[in-house]
């Protein structure tokens, strides 16, 4: 059974990605901070016939992430797909001229350093196997900057750059990496903004393994 790890799993997009891959025969490892939330997600997936398990970790505490991946490998074995899409809505967004090292660093730690650390937990095994998929998500501001979200956009664009480089380096080794920018409010009312619609785009990337990047927009976004 192939395995997907969803970092930042929640009841919205993360749950729909779990469903989209689970319905295709994947076992699902859900990683998040909130144990109670994970338990609820696992129960729902189990009721739908999808094998899953929850693992608690905090992106801002790398040791907890390392330990979570150890437990995931002990439970499921080799990881076939890593999907990274955590969100921390408590971190402040500031405008272009308000950006400082102090309000930028938390976003760098969470998104950039968080993604790099998660990728390190799987990439060596994927290279050794000559296969594997890494999908890293940001908001659309990584491609089309929004001045009022300047510090978030800086971190997201840096992460995007890193993932595009990752794609180029890993492609000859048989490992596929891609960046996903979501340029719409998930669940905002437009049919293309529905979480299940977006989740299926991740499956398309996994199945085609060609494009280094997807910018998902609602048609009128």
N, C-alpha and C. Protein backbone atom coordinates (compact mmCIF):
# COMPACT_ATOMS: atom_id res chain seq x y z
N UNK A 1 0.84 -1.20 0.00
CA UNK A 1 0.00 0.00 0.00
C UNK A 1 0.88 1.25 0.00
N UNK A 2 0.73 2.14 -0.98
CA UNK A 2 1.51 3.38 -0.98
C UNK A 2 1.05 4.28 0.16
N UNK A 3 1.95 5.16 0.61
CA UNK A 3 1.67 6.01 1.77
C UNK A 3 1.88 7.47 1.42
N UNK A 4 0.92 8.32 1.84
CA UNK A 4 1.08 9.77 1.74
C UNK A 4 1.11 10.34 3.15
N UNK A 5 2.02 11.28 3.38
CA UNK A 5 2.07 12.04 4.62
C UNK A 5 1.57 13.45 4.31
N UNK A 6 0.58 13.90 5.06
CA UNK A 6 0.03 15.23 4.89
C UNK A 6 0.43 16.06 6.10
N UNK A 7 1.31 17.04 5.88
CA UNK A 7 1.82 17.87 6.97
C UNK A 7 0.94 19.12 7.07
N UNK A 8 0.35 19.32 8.25
CA UNK A 8 -0.58 20.42 8.42
C UNK A 8 -2.00 19.98 8.14
N UNK A 9 -2.31 18.74 8.44
CA UNK A 9 -3.62 18.19 8.12
C UNK A 9 -4.71 18.89 8.93
N UNK A 10 -5.80 19.20 8.25
CA UNK A 10 -6.94 19.83 8.89
C UNK A 10 -8.22 19.40 8.20
N UNK A 11 -9.36 19.94 8.63
CA UNK A 11 -10.66 19.49 8.11
C UNK A 11 -10.98 20.01 6.71
N UNK A 12 -10.17 20.92 6.18
CA UNK A 12 -10.43 21.49 4.87
C UNK A 12 -9.64 20.80 3.77
N UNK A 13 -8.64 21.50 3.23
CA UNK A 13 -7.87 20.96 2.12
C UNK A 13 -7.14 19.68 2.50
N UNK A 14 -6.53 19.64 3.69
CA UNK A 14 -5.79 18.45 4.10
C UNK A 14 -6.66 17.22 4.10
N UNK A 15 -7.89 17.35 4.61
CA UNK A 15 -8.81 16.22 4.64
C UNK A 15 -9.19 15.78 3.23
N UNK A 16 -9.39 16.74 2.33
CA UNK A 16 -9.76 16.38 0.96
C UNK A 16 -8.59 15.74 0.21
N UNK A 17 -7.37 16.17 0.49
CA UNK A 17 -6.21 15.51 -0.10
C UNK A 17 -6.12 14.07 0.41
N UNK A 18 -6.38 13.89 1.71
CA UNK A 18 -6.39 12.54 2.28
C UNK A 18 -7.43 11.67 1.59
N UNK A 19 -8.61 12.21 1.38
CA UNK A 19 -9.66 11.46 0.69
C UNK A 19 -9.27 11.14 -0.75
N UNK A 20 -8.73 12.14 -1.45
CA UNK A 20 -8.41 11.96 -2.87
C UNK A 20 -7.37 10.86 -3.07
N UNK A 21 -6.36 10.83 -2.20
CA UNK A 21 -5.34 9.78 -2.32
C UNK A 21 -5.83 8.48 -1.69
N UNK A 22 -6.55 8.57 -0.58
CA UNK A 22 -7.04 7.37 0.07
C UNK A 22 -7.96 6.56 -0.81
N UNK A 23 -8.78 7.23 -1.60
CA UNK A 23 -9.68 6.52 -2.52
C UNK A 23 -8.93 5.83 -3.64
N UNK A 24 -7.67 6.18 -3.81
CA UNK A 24 -6.83 5.54 -4.81
C UNK A 24 -5.93 4.49 -4.20
N UNK A 25 -6.24 4.08 -2.98
CA UNK A 25 -5.53 2.98 -2.35
C UNK A 25 -4.38 3.36 -1.45
N UNK A 26 -4.20 4.66 -1.18
CA UNK A 26 -3.13 5.10 -0.31
C UNK A 26 -3.51 4.95 1.15
N UNK A 27 -2.53 4.61 1.98
CA UNK A 27 -2.63 4.82 3.40
C UNK A 27 -2.23 6.25 3.69
N UNK A 28 -2.84 6.85 4.70
CA UNK A 28 -2.66 8.28 4.96
C UNK A 28 -2.13 8.51 6.37
N UNK A 29 -1.00 9.23 6.45
CA UNK A 29 -0.46 9.68 7.73
C UNK A 29 -0.73 11.18 7.85
N UNK A 30 -1.44 11.57 8.88
CA UNK A 30 -1.82 12.96 9.09
C UNK A 30 -0.96 13.55 10.19
N UNK A 31 -0.32 14.66 9.92
CA UNK A 31 0.57 15.30 10.89
C UNK A 31 0.06 16.70 11.21
N UNK A 32 -0.15 16.97 12.49
CA UNK A 32 -0.62 18.29 12.93
C UNK A 32 -0.34 18.43 14.42
N UNK A 33 -0.62 19.62 14.95
CA UNK A 33 -0.34 19.88 16.36
C UNK A 33 -1.43 19.36 17.29
N UNK A 34 -2.67 19.34 16.80
CA UNK A 34 -3.84 19.10 17.64
C UNK A 34 -4.24 17.62 17.60
N UNK A 35 -3.99 16.90 18.68
CA UNK A 35 -4.29 15.46 18.72
C UNK A 35 -5.77 15.18 18.59
N UNK A 36 -6.60 16.01 19.21
CA UNK A 36 -8.05 15.79 19.14
C UNK A 36 -8.55 15.97 17.71
N UNK A 37 -8.04 16.95 17.02
CA UNK A 37 -8.42 17.17 15.62
C UNK A 37 -8.00 16.00 14.76
N UNK A 38 -6.80 15.50 15.00
CA UNK A 38 -6.33 14.35 14.23
C UNK A 38 -7.21 13.13 14.47
N UNK A 39 -7.60 12.92 15.71
CA UNK A 39 -8.45 11.77 16.03
C UNK A 39 -9.77 11.84 15.26
N UNK A 40 -10.34 13.03 15.18
CA UNK A 40 -11.59 13.22 14.45
C UNK A 40 -11.42 12.92 12.97
N UNK A 41 -10.32 13.40 12.39
CA UNK A 41 -10.07 13.18 10.97
C UNK A 41 -9.88 11.68 10.68
N UNK A 42 -9.13 11.01 11.54
CA UNK A 42 -8.88 9.58 11.36
C UNK A 42 -10.18 8.80 11.45
N UNK A 43 -11.05 9.16 12.37
CA UNK A 43 -12.34 8.49 12.50
C UNK A 43 -13.17 8.65 11.24
N UNK A 44 -13.19 9.86 10.68
CA UNK A 44 -13.97 10.11 9.47
C UNK A 44 -13.41 9.33 8.29
N UNK A 45 -12.10 9.32 8.16
CA UNK A 45 -11.49 8.57 7.05
C UNK A 45 -11.75 7.07 7.21
N UNK A 46 -11.65 6.59 8.43
CA UNK A 46 -11.90 5.18 8.67
C UNK A 46 -13.32 4.78 8.29
N UNK A 47 -14.29 5.67 8.56
CA UNK A 47 -15.68 5.40 8.20
C UNK A 47 -15.87 5.33 6.69
N UNK A 48 -14.94 5.94 5.96
CA UNK A 48 -14.99 5.92 4.50
C UNK A 48 -14.11 4.82 3.91
N UNK A 49 -13.57 3.97 4.78
CA UNK A 49 -12.76 2.85 4.31
C UNK A 49 -11.32 3.20 3.98
N UNK A 50 -10.85 4.35 4.46
CA UNK A 50 -9.48 4.79 4.19
C UNK A 50 -8.61 4.53 5.41
N UNK A 51 -7.50 3.85 5.20
CA UNK A 51 -6.56 3.55 6.30
C UNK A 51 -5.76 4.82 6.61
N UNK A 52 -5.78 5.24 7.86
CA UNK A 52 -5.06 6.46 8.23
C UNK A 52 -4.65 6.40 9.70
N UNK A 53 -3.74 7.30 10.06
CA UNK A 53 -3.32 7.46 11.45
C UNK A 53 -2.84 8.88 11.64
N UNK A 54 -3.01 9.40 12.86
CA UNK A 54 -2.59 10.76 13.16
C UNK A 54 -1.30 10.78 13.97
N UNK A 55 -0.49 11.81 13.74
CA UNK A 55 0.79 11.95 14.41
C UNK A 55 0.96 13.42 14.79
N UNK A 56 1.17 13.69 16.07
CA UNK A 56 1.29 15.06 16.54
C UNK A 56 2.72 15.57 16.39
N UNK A 57 2.83 16.81 15.95
CA UNK A 57 4.12 17.48 15.84
C UNK A 57 3.86 18.96 15.64
N UNK A 58 4.86 19.76 15.95
CA UNK A 58 4.79 21.21 15.79
C UNK A 58 5.88 21.62 14.82
N UNK A 59 5.51 22.23 13.71
CA UNK A 59 6.47 22.64 12.69
C UNK A 59 7.57 23.51 13.28
N UNK A 60 7.24 24.32 14.29
CA UNK A 60 8.22 25.21 14.89
C UNK A 60 9.11 24.51 15.91
N UNK A 61 8.88 23.21 16.13
CA UNK A 61 9.74 22.41 17.00
C UNK A 61 10.25 21.22 16.18
N UNK A 62 11.36 21.40 15.45
CA UNK A 62 11.82 20.38 14.51
C UNK A 62 11.99 18.99 15.10
N UNK A 63 12.38 18.90 16.37
CA UNK A 63 12.56 17.58 16.98
C UNK A 63 11.25 16.80 17.01
N UNK A 64 10.14 17.50 17.22
CA UNK A 64 8.85 16.81 17.24
C UNK A 64 8.49 16.29 15.85
N UNK A 65 8.89 17.02 14.83
CA UNK A 65 8.65 16.59 13.45
C UNK A 65 9.47 15.35 13.13
N UNK A 66 10.75 15.39 13.53
CA UNK A 66 11.62 14.23 13.31
C UNK A 66 11.04 12.99 13.97
N UNK A 67 10.60 13.13 15.21
CA UNK A 67 10.04 11.98 15.93
C UNK A 67 8.74 11.50 15.29
N UNK A 68 7.94 12.42 14.78
CA UNK A 68 6.70 12.03 14.12
C UNK A 68 6.98 11.20 12.88
N UNK A 69 7.97 11.60 12.10
CA UNK A 69 8.30 10.84 10.90
C UNK A 69 8.87 9.46 11.24
N UNK A 70 9.61 9.38 12.33
CA UNK A 70 10.08 8.06 12.78
C UNK A 70 8.89 7.17 13.08
N UNK A 71 7.89 7.70 13.78
CA UNK A 71 6.71 6.92 14.11
C UNK A 71 5.91 6.55 12.86
N UNK A 72 5.84 7.47 11.91
CA UNK A 72 5.12 7.20 10.66
C UNK A 72 5.77 6.03 9.93
N UNK A 73 7.10 6.04 9.84
CA UNK A 73 7.81 4.96 9.14
C UNK A 73 7.67 3.64 9.88
N UNK A 74 7.65 3.70 11.21
CA UNK A 74 7.45 2.48 11.97
C UNK A 74 6.05 1.91 11.75
N UNK A 75 5.08 2.79 11.60
CA UNK A 75 3.68 2.36 11.42
C UNK A 75 3.39 1.90 10.00
N UNK A 76 3.91 2.64 9.02
CA UNK A 76 3.51 2.41 7.63
C UNK A 76 4.63 1.90 6.73
N UNK A 77 5.88 2.14 7.10
CA UNK A 77 6.97 1.81 6.20
C UNK A 77 7.35 2.99 5.33
N UNK A 78 7.81 2.70 4.13
CA UNK A 78 8.31 3.74 3.23
C UNK A 78 7.22 4.75 2.88
N UNK A 79 7.63 6.01 2.76
CA UNK A 79 6.72 7.09 2.40
C UNK A 79 6.84 7.36 0.90
N UNK A 80 5.71 7.32 0.22
CA UNK A 80 5.70 7.52 -1.23
C UNK A 80 5.44 8.97 -1.63
N UNK A 81 4.60 9.67 -0.86
CA UNK A 81 4.25 11.05 -1.17
C UNK A 81 4.31 11.87 0.11
N UNK A 82 4.97 13.03 0.02
CA UNK A 82 4.95 14.01 1.11
C UNK A 82 4.21 15.24 0.59
N UNK A 83 3.19 15.66 1.33
CA UNK A 83 2.46 16.88 0.99
C UNK A 83 2.56 17.83 2.17
N UNK A 84 3.03 19.05 1.90
CA UNK A 84 3.29 20.04 2.95
C UNK A 84 2.38 21.25 2.75
N UNK A 85 1.45 21.46 3.69
CA UNK A 85 0.54 22.62 3.56
C UNK A 85 0.05 23.13 4.91
N UNK A 86 0.94 23.30 5.89
CA UNK A 86 0.47 23.81 7.18
C UNK A 86 0.15 25.30 7.10
N UNK A 87 -0.73 25.73 7.98
CA UNK A 87 -1.10 27.15 8.07
C UNK A 87 -1.17 27.52 9.54
N UNK A 88 -0.60 28.67 9.88
CA UNK A 88 -0.73 29.20 11.24
C UNK A 88 -1.36 30.59 11.12
N UNK A 89 -2.65 30.67 11.37
CA UNK A 89 -3.39 31.92 11.18
C UNK A 89 -3.15 32.91 12.33
N UNK A 90 -2.42 32.49 13.34
CA UNK A 90 -2.12 33.39 14.44
C UNK A 90 -0.91 34.27 14.18
N UNK A 91 -0.12 33.94 13.15
CA UNK A 91 1.03 34.77 12.82
C UNK A 91 0.56 36.02 12.07
N UNK A 92 1.13 37.16 12.43
CA UNK A 92 0.68 38.42 11.87
C UNK A 92 1.15 38.61 10.43
N UNK A 93 0.27 39.22 9.63
CA UNK A 93 0.64 39.69 8.28
C UNK A 93 0.81 41.19 8.34
N UNK A 94 1.84 41.69 7.65
CA UNK A 94 2.08 43.13 7.65
C UNK A 94 2.27 43.62 6.22
N UNK A 95 2.10 44.96 6.05
CA UNK A 95 2.25 45.58 4.74
C UNK A 95 3.71 45.74 4.33
N UNK A 96 3.88 46.16 3.11
CA UNK A 96 5.19 46.21 2.49
C UNK A 96 6.22 46.98 3.32
N UNK A 97 5.85 48.17 3.79
CA UNK A 97 6.82 49.02 4.49
C UNK A 97 6.88 48.74 5.99
N UNK A 98 6.10 47.76 6.43
CA UNK A 98 6.13 47.38 7.85
C UNK A 98 6.96 46.12 8.08
N UNK A 99 7.50 45.52 7.02
CA UNK A 99 8.27 44.30 7.19
C UNK A 99 9.56 44.58 7.95
N UNK A 100 9.83 43.77 8.97
CA UNK A 100 11.06 43.85 9.76
C UNK A 100 11.59 42.44 9.94
N UNK A 101 12.86 42.31 10.32
CA UNK A 101 13.36 40.96 10.62
C UNK A 101 12.52 40.24 11.66
N UNK A 102 11.97 41.00 12.62
CA UNK A 102 11.21 40.38 13.71
C UNK A 102 9.91 39.77 13.21
N UNK A 103 9.18 40.48 12.30
CA UNK A 103 7.91 39.93 11.86
C UNK A 103 8.04 39.05 10.61
N UNK A 104 9.23 39.02 10.02
CA UNK A 104 9.48 38.12 8.90
C UNK A 104 9.95 36.74 9.38
N UNK A 105 10.78 36.72 10.42
CA UNK A 105 11.41 35.48 10.84
C UNK A 105 10.43 34.36 11.19
N UNK A 106 9.32 34.65 11.90
CA UNK A 106 8.39 33.55 12.19
C UNK A 106 7.86 32.85 10.95
N UNK A 107 7.64 33.59 9.87
CA UNK A 107 7.15 32.99 8.64
C UNK A 107 8.24 32.18 7.94
N UNK A 108 9.46 32.66 8.01
CA UNK A 108 10.58 31.88 7.47
C UNK A 108 10.74 30.58 8.25
N UNK A 109 10.63 30.67 9.57
CA UNK A 109 10.78 29.47 10.40
C UNK A 109 9.67 28.47 10.10
N UNK A 110 8.46 28.97 9.99
CA UNK A 110 7.30 28.09 9.82
C UNK A 110 7.25 27.48 8.42
N UNK A 111 7.29 28.31 7.42
CA UNK A 111 7.11 27.83 6.05
C UNK A 111 8.41 27.30 5.44
N UNK A 112 9.44 28.12 5.39
CA UNK A 112 10.66 27.72 4.69
C UNK A 112 11.41 26.64 5.47
N UNK A 113 11.78 26.94 6.70
CA UNK A 113 12.52 25.97 7.48
C UNK A 113 11.67 24.73 7.77
N UNK A 114 10.36 24.95 7.97
CA UNK A 114 9.47 23.81 8.22
C UNK A 114 9.44 22.85 7.06
N UNK A 115 9.31 23.39 5.84
CA UNK A 115 9.27 22.54 4.65
C UNK A 115 10.60 21.83 4.44
N UNK A 116 11.69 22.57 4.57
CA UNK A 116 13.01 21.97 4.36
C UNK A 116 13.22 20.81 5.34
N UNK A 117 12.82 21.00 6.59
CA UNK A 117 13.03 19.94 7.59
C UNK A 117 12.17 18.72 7.27
N UNK A 118 10.94 18.95 6.84
CA UNK A 118 10.07 17.81 6.48
C UNK A 118 10.61 17.06 5.28
N UNK A 119 11.07 17.79 4.29
CA UNK A 119 11.62 17.13 3.10
C UNK A 119 12.84 16.29 3.47
N UNK A 120 13.63 16.78 4.38
CA UNK A 120 14.82 16.02 4.79
C UNK A 120 14.46 14.68 5.42
N UNK A 121 13.25 14.57 5.96
CA UNK A 121 12.85 13.31 6.59
C UNK A 121 12.57 12.21 5.57
N UNK A 122 12.35 12.59 4.30
CA UNK A 122 11.96 11.60 3.30
C UNK A 122 12.88 11.54 2.08
N UNK A 123 13.62 12.59 1.81
CA UNK A 123 14.26 12.70 0.50
C UNK A 123 15.36 11.67 0.30
N UNK A 124 16.13 11.36 1.33
CA UNK A 124 17.20 10.37 1.15
C UNK A 124 16.64 9.00 0.79
N UNK A 125 15.55 8.61 1.46
CA UNK A 125 14.92 7.33 1.15
C UNK A 125 14.35 7.32 -0.26
N UNK A 126 13.78 8.44 -0.67
CA UNK A 126 13.22 8.52 -2.02
C UNK A 126 14.32 8.43 -3.08
N UNK A 127 15.42 9.10 -2.84
CA UNK A 127 16.54 9.04 -3.79
C UNK A 127 17.07 7.61 -3.87
N UNK A 128 17.20 6.96 -2.73
CA UNK A 128 17.70 5.58 -2.72
C UNK A 128 16.77 4.65 -3.48
N UNK A 129 15.45 4.91 -3.38
CA UNK A 129 14.47 4.07 -4.07
C UNK A 129 14.30 4.45 -5.53
N UNK A 130 14.76 5.65 -5.89
CA UNK A 130 14.58 6.13 -7.25
C UNK A 130 13.15 6.49 -7.59
N UNK A 131 12.36 6.81 -6.55
CA UNK A 131 10.96 7.17 -6.76
C UNK A 131 10.47 7.96 -5.56
N UNK A 132 9.34 8.64 -5.74
CA UNK A 132 8.76 9.41 -4.66
C UNK A 132 8.26 10.75 -5.18
N UNK A 133 7.36 11.35 -4.41
CA UNK A 133 6.75 12.62 -4.80
C UNK A 133 6.72 13.55 -3.60
N UNK A 134 7.09 14.81 -3.84
CA UNK A 134 7.07 15.85 -2.82
C UNK A 134 6.26 17.02 -3.37
N UNK A 135 5.16 17.37 -2.68
CA UNK A 135 4.29 18.46 -3.10
C UNK A 135 4.24 19.50 -1.98
N UNK A 136 4.65 20.73 -2.29
CA UNK A 136 4.75 21.79 -1.29
C UNK A 136 3.80 22.92 -1.67
N UNK A 137 2.97 23.32 -0.72
CA UNK A 137 1.90 24.29 -0.97
C UNK A 137 2.22 25.65 -0.36
N UNK A 138 1.89 26.71 -1.11
CA UNK A 138 1.90 28.07 -0.57
C UNK A 138 0.64 28.78 -1.05
N UNK A 139 0.42 29.97 -0.54
CA UNK A 139 -0.62 30.83 -1.08
C UNK A 139 -0.17 31.44 -2.40
N UNK A 140 -1.12 31.97 -3.14
CA UNK A 140 -0.82 32.54 -4.45
C UNK A 140 0.12 33.73 -4.42
N UNK A 141 0.30 34.34 -3.24
CA UNK A 141 1.21 35.47 -3.13
C UNK A 141 2.66 35.11 -3.39
N UNK A 142 2.97 33.82 -3.40
CA UNK A 142 4.33 33.39 -3.75
C UNK A 142 4.63 33.69 -5.21
N UNK A 143 3.58 33.78 -6.02
CA UNK A 143 3.72 34.07 -7.45
C UNK A 143 3.27 35.49 -7.77
N UNK A 144 2.11 35.87 -7.24
CA UNK A 144 1.55 37.21 -7.45
C UNK A 144 1.47 37.91 -6.11
N UNK A 145 2.46 38.72 -5.76
CA UNK A 145 2.54 39.31 -4.42
C UNK A 145 1.36 40.22 -4.09
N UNK A 146 0.99 40.20 -2.81
CA UNK A 146 -0.07 41.06 -2.27
C UNK A 146 0.59 41.99 -1.25
N UNK A 147 0.62 43.30 -1.48
CA UNK A 147 1.37 44.21 -0.59
C UNK A 147 0.99 44.11 0.88
N UNK A 148 -0.28 43.82 1.17
CA UNK A 148 -0.70 43.77 2.57
C UNK A 148 -0.26 42.49 3.28
N UNK A 149 0.28 41.53 2.51
CA UNK A 149 0.77 40.27 3.08
C UNK A 149 2.26 40.13 2.81
N UNK A 150 2.97 41.23 2.92
CA UNK A 150 4.35 41.29 2.43
C UNK A 150 5.28 40.31 3.13
N UNK A 151 5.17 40.16 4.43
CA UNK A 151 6.08 39.24 5.12
C UNK A 151 5.75 37.78 4.79
N UNK A 152 4.46 37.46 4.70
CA UNK A 152 4.07 36.10 4.31
C UNK A 152 4.55 35.80 2.89
N UNK A 153 4.34 36.77 1.98
CA UNK A 153 4.74 36.58 0.59
C UNK A 153 6.24 36.37 0.44
N UNK A 154 7.03 37.07 1.26
CA UNK A 154 8.48 36.89 1.20
C UNK A 154 8.87 35.45 1.54
N UNK A 155 8.29 34.93 2.60
CA UNK A 155 8.59 33.55 2.98
C UNK A 155 8.08 32.57 1.93
N UNK A 156 6.86 32.81 1.44
CA UNK A 156 6.27 31.89 0.46
C UNK A 156 7.05 31.89 -0.85
N UNK A 157 7.49 33.05 -1.28
CA UNK A 157 8.24 33.11 -2.54
C UNK A 157 9.61 32.45 -2.39
N UNK A 158 10.20 32.59 -1.21
CA UNK A 158 11.47 31.90 -0.96
C UNK A 158 11.29 30.39 -0.98
N UNK A 159 10.19 29.92 -0.39
CA UNK A 159 9.90 28.48 -0.40
C UNK A 159 9.64 28.00 -1.82
N UNK A 160 8.90 28.78 -2.58
CA UNK A 160 8.65 28.42 -3.98
C UNK A 160 9.96 28.25 -4.74
N UNK A 161 10.88 29.20 -4.57
CA UNK A 161 12.17 29.13 -5.25
C UNK A 161 12.91 27.86 -4.87
N UNK A 162 12.88 27.52 -3.59
CA UNK A 162 13.57 26.32 -3.13
C UNK A 162 12.97 25.06 -3.73
N UNK A 163 11.64 25.01 -3.80
CA UNK A 163 10.99 23.82 -4.35
C UNK A 163 11.26 23.67 -5.84
N UNK A 164 11.29 24.78 -6.57
CA UNK A 164 11.61 24.69 -8.00
C UNK A 164 13.04 24.19 -8.21
N UNK A 165 13.95 24.64 -7.36
CA UNK A 165 15.31 24.09 -7.40
C UNK A 165 15.31 22.61 -7.04
N UNK A 166 14.50 22.25 -6.05
CA UNK A 166 14.39 20.85 -5.63
C UNK A 166 13.92 19.99 -6.79
N UNK A 167 12.94 20.48 -7.53
CA UNK A 167 12.44 19.76 -8.70
C UNK A 167 13.58 19.46 -9.68
N UNK A 168 14.37 20.48 -9.98
CA UNK A 168 15.44 20.32 -10.96
C UNK A 168 16.51 19.33 -10.49
N UNK A 169 16.81 19.36 -9.21
CA UNK A 169 17.85 18.48 -8.68
C UNK A 169 17.36 17.03 -8.57
N UNK A 170 16.10 16.85 -8.18
CA UNK A 170 15.60 15.50 -7.93
C UNK A 170 15.10 14.79 -9.18
N UNK A 171 14.71 15.53 -10.20
CA UNK A 171 14.14 14.90 -11.39
C UNK A 171 15.05 13.82 -11.98
N UNK A 172 16.36 14.08 -12.16
CA UNK A 172 17.23 13.02 -12.71
C UNK A 172 17.37 11.80 -11.81
N UNK A 173 16.99 11.96 -10.55
CA UNK A 173 17.12 10.86 -9.58
C UNK A 173 15.82 10.05 -9.46
N UNK A 174 14.82 10.39 -10.27
CA UNK A 174 13.57 9.66 -10.24
C UNK A 174 12.56 10.14 -9.23
N UNK A 175 12.87 11.24 -8.54
CA UNK A 175 11.98 11.79 -7.51
C UNK A 175 11.34 13.06 -8.06
N UNK A 176 10.04 13.18 -7.86
CA UNK A 176 9.28 14.31 -8.40
C UNK A 176 8.95 15.29 -7.28
N UNK A 177 9.27 16.57 -7.48
CA UNK A 177 8.91 17.62 -6.54
C UNK A 177 8.19 18.73 -7.30
N UNK A 178 7.17 19.30 -6.68
CA UNK A 178 6.42 20.37 -7.33
C UNK A 178 5.89 21.35 -6.29
N UNK A 179 5.74 22.59 -6.72
CA UNK A 179 5.17 23.65 -5.90
C UNK A 179 3.73 23.88 -6.31
N UNK A 180 2.84 24.00 -5.33
CA UNK A 180 1.44 24.31 -5.58
C UNK A 180 1.12 25.66 -4.94
N UNK A 181 0.72 26.63 -5.77
CA UNK A 181 0.25 27.92 -5.28
C UNK A 181 -1.26 27.94 -5.38
N UNK A 182 -1.93 28.28 -4.31
CA UNK A 182 -3.39 28.34 -4.32
C UNK A 182 -3.80 29.81 -4.34
N UNK A 183 -4.20 30.26 -5.51
CA UNK A 183 -4.53 31.68 -5.71
C UNK A 183 -6.04 31.89 -5.65
N UNK A 184 -6.65 31.41 -4.60
CA UNK A 184 -8.08 31.60 -4.37
C UNK A 184 -8.36 31.32 -2.91
N UNK A 185 -9.49 31.82 -2.41
CA UNK A 185 -9.89 31.51 -1.05
C UNK A 185 -10.57 30.15 -1.05
N UNK A 186 -9.96 29.18 -0.41
CA UNK A 186 -10.51 27.82 -0.40
C UNK A 186 -11.89 27.84 0.25
N UNK A 187 -12.86 27.27 -0.48
CA UNK A 187 -14.23 27.26 0.03
C UNK A 187 -14.92 28.59 -0.08
N UNK A 188 -14.39 29.49 -0.93
CA UNK A 188 -14.94 30.83 -1.03
C UNK A 188 -16.23 30.95 -1.84
N UNK A 189 -16.73 29.85 -2.35
CA UNK A 189 -18.00 29.91 -3.06
C UNK A 189 -17.90 29.56 -4.52
N UNK A 190 -16.78 29.85 -5.15
CA UNK A 190 -16.60 29.49 -6.56
C UNK A 190 -16.38 27.99 -6.66
N UNK A 191 -16.97 27.33 -7.65
CA UNK A 191 -16.78 25.87 -7.77
C UNK A 191 -15.32 25.45 -7.82
N UNK A 192 -14.47 26.24 -8.46
CA UNK A 192 -13.05 25.88 -8.56
C UNK A 192 -12.29 26.12 -7.26
N UNK A 193 -12.95 26.77 -6.29
CA UNK A 193 -12.30 27.03 -5.00
C UNK A 193 -12.64 25.98 -3.96
N UNK A 194 -13.47 24.99 -4.34
CA UNK A 194 -13.84 23.94 -3.39
C UNK A 194 -12.62 23.07 -3.06
N UNK A 195 -12.51 22.69 -1.79
CA UNK A 195 -11.33 21.94 -1.35
C UNK A 195 -11.17 20.62 -2.09
N UNK A 196 -12.28 19.94 -2.39
CA UNK A 196 -12.16 18.66 -3.06
C UNK A 196 -11.70 18.82 -4.51
N UNK A 197 -12.08 19.92 -5.14
CA UNK A 197 -11.61 20.20 -6.50
C UNK A 197 -10.11 20.45 -6.50
N UNK A 198 -9.65 21.25 -5.54
CA UNK A 198 -8.22 21.54 -5.45
C UNK A 198 -7.44 20.27 -5.14
N UNK A 199 -7.97 19.44 -4.26
CA UNK A 199 -7.28 18.20 -3.87
C UNK A 199 -7.04 17.31 -5.08
N UNK A 200 -7.98 17.27 -5.99
CA UNK A 200 -7.80 16.44 -7.18
C UNK A 200 -6.67 16.94 -8.08
N UNK A 201 -6.34 18.21 -7.98
CA UNK A 201 -5.20 18.74 -8.75
C UNK A 201 -3.88 18.16 -8.23
N UNK A 202 -3.84 17.90 -6.93
CA UNK A 202 -2.65 17.26 -6.35
C UNK A 202 -2.48 15.85 -6.91
N UNK A 203 -3.59 15.14 -7.03
CA UNK A 203 -3.55 13.79 -7.60
C UNK A 203 -3.06 13.86 -9.05
N UNK A 204 -3.52 14.86 -9.80
CA UNK A 204 -3.09 15.02 -11.19
C UNK A 204 -1.58 15.23 -11.26
N UNK A 205 -1.05 16.06 -10.37
CA UNK A 205 0.40 16.28 -10.34
C UNK A 205 1.14 14.97 -10.05
N UNK A 206 0.64 14.24 -9.05
CA UNK A 206 1.26 12.96 -8.69
C UNK A 206 1.25 11.99 -9.86
N UNK A 207 0.16 11.96 -10.58
CA UNK A 207 0.01 10.98 -11.66
C UNK A 207 0.81 11.37 -12.91
N UNK A 208 0.88 12.66 -13.21
CA UNK A 208 1.59 13.09 -14.43
C UNK A 208 3.08 13.30 -14.19
N UNK A 209 3.47 13.80 -13.00
CA UNK A 209 4.88 13.96 -12.60
C UNK A 209 5.69 14.75 -13.64
N UNK A 210 5.11 15.78 -14.20
CA UNK A 210 5.80 16.54 -15.24
C UNK A 210 6.07 17.98 -14.79
N UNK A 211 4.99 18.71 -14.51
CA UNK A 211 5.13 20.14 -14.25
C UNK A 211 5.76 20.40 -12.88
N UNK A 212 6.68 21.37 -12.80
CA UNK A 212 7.29 21.70 -11.51
C UNK A 212 6.41 22.60 -10.65
N UNK A 213 5.30 23.08 -11.24
CA UNK A 213 4.50 24.05 -10.50
C UNK A 213 3.06 24.05 -10.99
N UNK A 214 2.14 24.24 -10.06
CA UNK A 214 0.73 24.45 -10.36
C UNK A 214 0.28 25.71 -9.64
N UNK A 215 -0.32 26.62 -10.39
CA UNK A 215 -0.96 27.80 -9.78
C UNK A 215 -2.45 27.63 -9.95
N UNK A 216 -3.13 27.25 -8.87
CA UNK A 216 -4.55 26.98 -8.95
C UNK A 216 -5.34 28.25 -8.71
N UNK A 217 -6.14 28.65 -9.71
CA UNK A 217 -6.98 29.82 -9.63
C UNK A 217 -8.43 29.43 -9.84
N UNK A 218 -9.34 30.10 -9.14
CA UNK A 218 -10.74 30.04 -9.53
C UNK A 218 -10.86 30.87 -10.81
N UNK A 219 -11.79 30.54 -11.67
CA UNK A 219 -11.88 31.17 -12.98
C UNK A 219 -12.03 32.67 -12.94
N UNK A 220 -12.70 33.16 -11.89
CA UNK A 220 -12.87 34.61 -11.79
C UNK A 220 -12.05 35.22 -10.67
N UNK A 221 -10.99 34.47 -10.23
CA UNK A 221 -10.15 34.99 -9.14
C UNK A 221 -9.30 36.15 -9.65
